[in-house]
C-alpha atoms as a PDB file:
ATOM      1  CA  MET A   1      -0.240  -0.078   0.098  1.00  0.00           C
ATOM      2  CA  ASP A   2       1.396   3.465  -0.874  1.00  0.00           C
ATOM      3  CA  LYS A   3       0.401   7.089  -0.175  1.00  0.00           C
ATOM      4  CA  ALA A   4      -1.646   7.425  -3.194  1.00  0.00           C
ATOM      5  CA  ASP A   5      -3.784   4.434  -2.350  1.00  0.00           C
ATOM      6  CA  VAL A   6      -4.331   5.320   1.180  1.00  0.00           C
ATOM      7  CA  LEU A   7      -5.013   8.869  -0.048  1.00  0.00           C
ATOM      8  CA  ASP A   8      -7.539   7.898  -2.513  1.00  0.00           C
ATOM      9  CA  GLU A   9      -9.235   5.322   0.183  1.00  0.00           C
ATOM     10  CA  LEU A  10      -9.291   8.269   2.452  1.00  0.00           C
ATOM     11  CA  ARG A  11     -11.053  10.586   0.298  1.00  0.00           C
ATOM     12  CA  THR A  12     -13.606   7.998  -0.386  1.00  0.00           C
ATOM     13  CA  ILE A  13     -14.409   7.939   3.430  1.00  0.00           C
ATOM     14  CA  TYR A  14     -14.450  11.346   3.988  1.00  0.00           C
ATOM     15  CA  ALA A  15     -16.559  12.049   0.770  1.00  0.00           C
ATOM     16  CA  GLU A  16     -19.074   9.019   1.543  1.00  0.00           C
ATOM     17  CA  ALA A  17     -19.627  10.663   5.284  1.00  0.00           C
ATOM     18  CA  LEU A  18     -19.408  13.898   4.741  1.00  0.00           C
ATOM     19  CA  GLU A  19     -21.551  14.142   1.286  1.00  0.00           C
ATOM     20  CA  TYR A  20     -18.609  16.311  -0.365  1.00  0.00           C
ATOM     21  CA  PRO A  21     -17.565  15.830  -3.607  1.00  0.00           C
ATOM     22  CA  LYS A  22     -14.775  13.725  -3.744  1.00  0.00           C
ATOM     23  CA  GLU A  23     -12.524  16.591  -5.544  1.00  0.00           C
ATOM     24  CA  VAL A  24     -12.933  18.914  -2.709  1.00  0.00           C
ATOM     25  CA  LEU A  25     -10.953  16.461  -0.606  1.00  0.00           C
ATOM     26  CA  THR A  26      -7.491  17.393  -1.494  1.00  0.00           C
ATOM     27  CA  PRO A  27      -4.792  15.926   0.305  1.00  0.00           C
ATOM     28  CA  ASP A  28      -3.574  19.409   1.549  1.00  0.00           C
ATOM     29  CA  ALA A  29      -6.952  20.740   2.780  1.00  0.00           C
ATOM     30  CA  HIS A  30      -7.484  21.670   6.084  1.00  0.00           C
ATOM     31  CA  LEU A  31     -10.288  19.704   7.209  1.00  0.00           C
ATOM     32  CA  GLU A  32     -11.746  22.317   9.997  1.00  0.00           C
ATOM     33  CA  ALA A  33     -10.252  25.596   8.673  1.00  0.00           C
ATOM     34  CA  GLU A  34     -11.038  25.010   4.845  1.00  0.00           C
ATOM     35  CA  LEU A  35     -14.027  22.049   5.353  1.00  0.00           C
ATOM     36  CA  GLY A  36     -15.880  23.112   8.276  1.00  0.00           C
ATOM     37  CA  ILE A  37     -15.223  19.386   9.728  1.00  0.00           C
ATOM     38  CA  ASP A  38     -16.134  20.084  13.193  1.00  0.00           C
ATOM     39  CA  SER A  39     -13.845  18.219  16.084  1.00  0.00           C
ATOM     40  CA  LEU A  40     -16.601  15.743  17.055  1.00  0.00           C
ATOM     41  CA  LYS A  41     -17.302  15.089  13.138  1.00  0.00           C
ATOM     42  CA  GLN A  42     -13.407  14.270  13.016  1.00  0.00           C
ATOM     43  CA  THR A  43     -13.440  11.902  15.995  1.00  0.00           C
ATOM     44  CA  GLU A  44     -16.133   9.921  14.195  1.00  0.00           C
ATOM     45  CA  LEU A  45     -14.277   9.763  11.031  1.00  0.00           C
ATOM     46  CA  LEU A  46     -10.969   8.820  12.549  1.00  0.00           C
ATOM     47  CA  ASN A  47     -12.674   6.331  14.018  1.00  0.00           C
ATOM     48  CA  ARG A  48     -14.030   5.118  10.913  1.00  0.00           C
ATOM     49  CA  VAL A  49     -10.346   5.211   9.557  1.00  0.00           C
ATOM     50  CA  THR A  50      -9.187   3.312  12.104  1.00  0.00           C
ATOM     51  CA  GLU A  51     -11.649   0.468  11.273  1.00  0.00           C
ATOM     52  CA  HIS A  52     -10.854   0.618   7.769  1.00  0.00           C
ATOM     53  CA  PHE A  53      -7.287   0.200   7.977  1.00  0.00           C
ATOM     54  CA  GLY A  54      -7.460  -2.109  10.832  1.00  0.00           C
ATOM     55  CA  MET A  55      -5.329   0.147  12.943  1.00  0.00           C
ATOM     56  CA  GLU A  56      -5.666   0.491  16.776  1.00  0.00           C
ATOM     57  CA  ARG A  57      -6.729   4.543  16.830  1.00  0.00           C
ATOM     58  CA  VAL A  58      -5.582   7.458  14.913  1.00  0.00           C
ATOM     59  CA  PRO A  59      -4.033  10.087  17.539  1.00  0.00           C
ATOM     60  CA  ASP A  60      -6.411  13.314  17.833  1.00  0.00           C
ATOM     61  CA  GLY A  61      -3.694  15.636  17.411  1.00  0.00           C
ATOM     62  CA  GLY A  62      -1.597  16.881  14.198  1.00  0.00           C
ATOM     63  CA  VAL A  63      -4.330  15.376  11.829  1.00  0.00           C
ATOM     64  CA  GLU A  64      -5.027  18.635  10.346  1.00  0.00           C
ATOM     65  CA  THR A  65      -5.373  16.991   6.739  1.00  0.00           C
ATOM     66  CA  LEU A  66      -5.977  13.924   4.625  1.00  0.00           C
ATOM     67  CA  ASP A  67      -2.157  14.026   3.748  1.00  0.00           C
ATOM     68  CA  SER A  68      -1.279  13.694   7.623  1.00  0.00           C
ATOM     69  CA  ILE A  69      -3.791  11.068   8.289  1.00  0.00           C
ATOM     70  CA  ALA A  70      -2.130   8.981   5.284  1.00  0.00           C
ATOM     71  CA  ALA A  71       1.090   9.457   6.829  1.00  0.00           C
ATOM     72  CA  VAL A  72      -0.126   7.935  10.274  1.00  0.00           C
ATOM     73  CA  VAL A  73      -2.004   4.916   8.557  1.00  0.00           C
ATOM     74  CA  LEU A  74       1.451   4.199   6.737  1.00  0.00           C
ATOM     75  CA  ALA A  75       3.715   4.589   9.678  1.00  0.00           C
ATOM     76  CA  SER A  76       1.114   2.298  11.544  1.00  0.00           C
ATOM     77  CA  ALA A  77       1.344  -0.152   8.669  1.00  0.00           C
ATOM     78  CA  HIS A  78       4.760  -0.308   8.809  1.00  0.00           C
ATOM     79  CA  ARG A  79       5.058  -0.940  12.527  1.00  0.00           C
ATOM     80  CA  THR A  80       2.608  -3.690  12.355  1.00  0.00           C
ATOM     81  CA  GLU A  81       4.701  -5.485   9.171  1.00  0.00           C
ATOM     82  CA  SER A  82       7.850  -4.755  11.561  1.00  0.00           C
ATOM     83  CA  LYS A  83       6.277  -7.162  14.274  1.00  0.00           C
END
């Protein structure tokens, strides 16, 4: 799994949950500031991400863009592969 694949899956998850066109969910768009996703909705979406990718959890802090979430997903996958 590479970053482009993860970003595509994240865009799909967020687009379906928010009913946004996938095109507005760019990797560098700030989820709260630019897209208006409040902290409660973001927590719900991060829970979906953890379930989708089979992760324990995504940390709440420092995930302001889909790109930053993809980095966390990939780091988690690399830790899991190392075990």
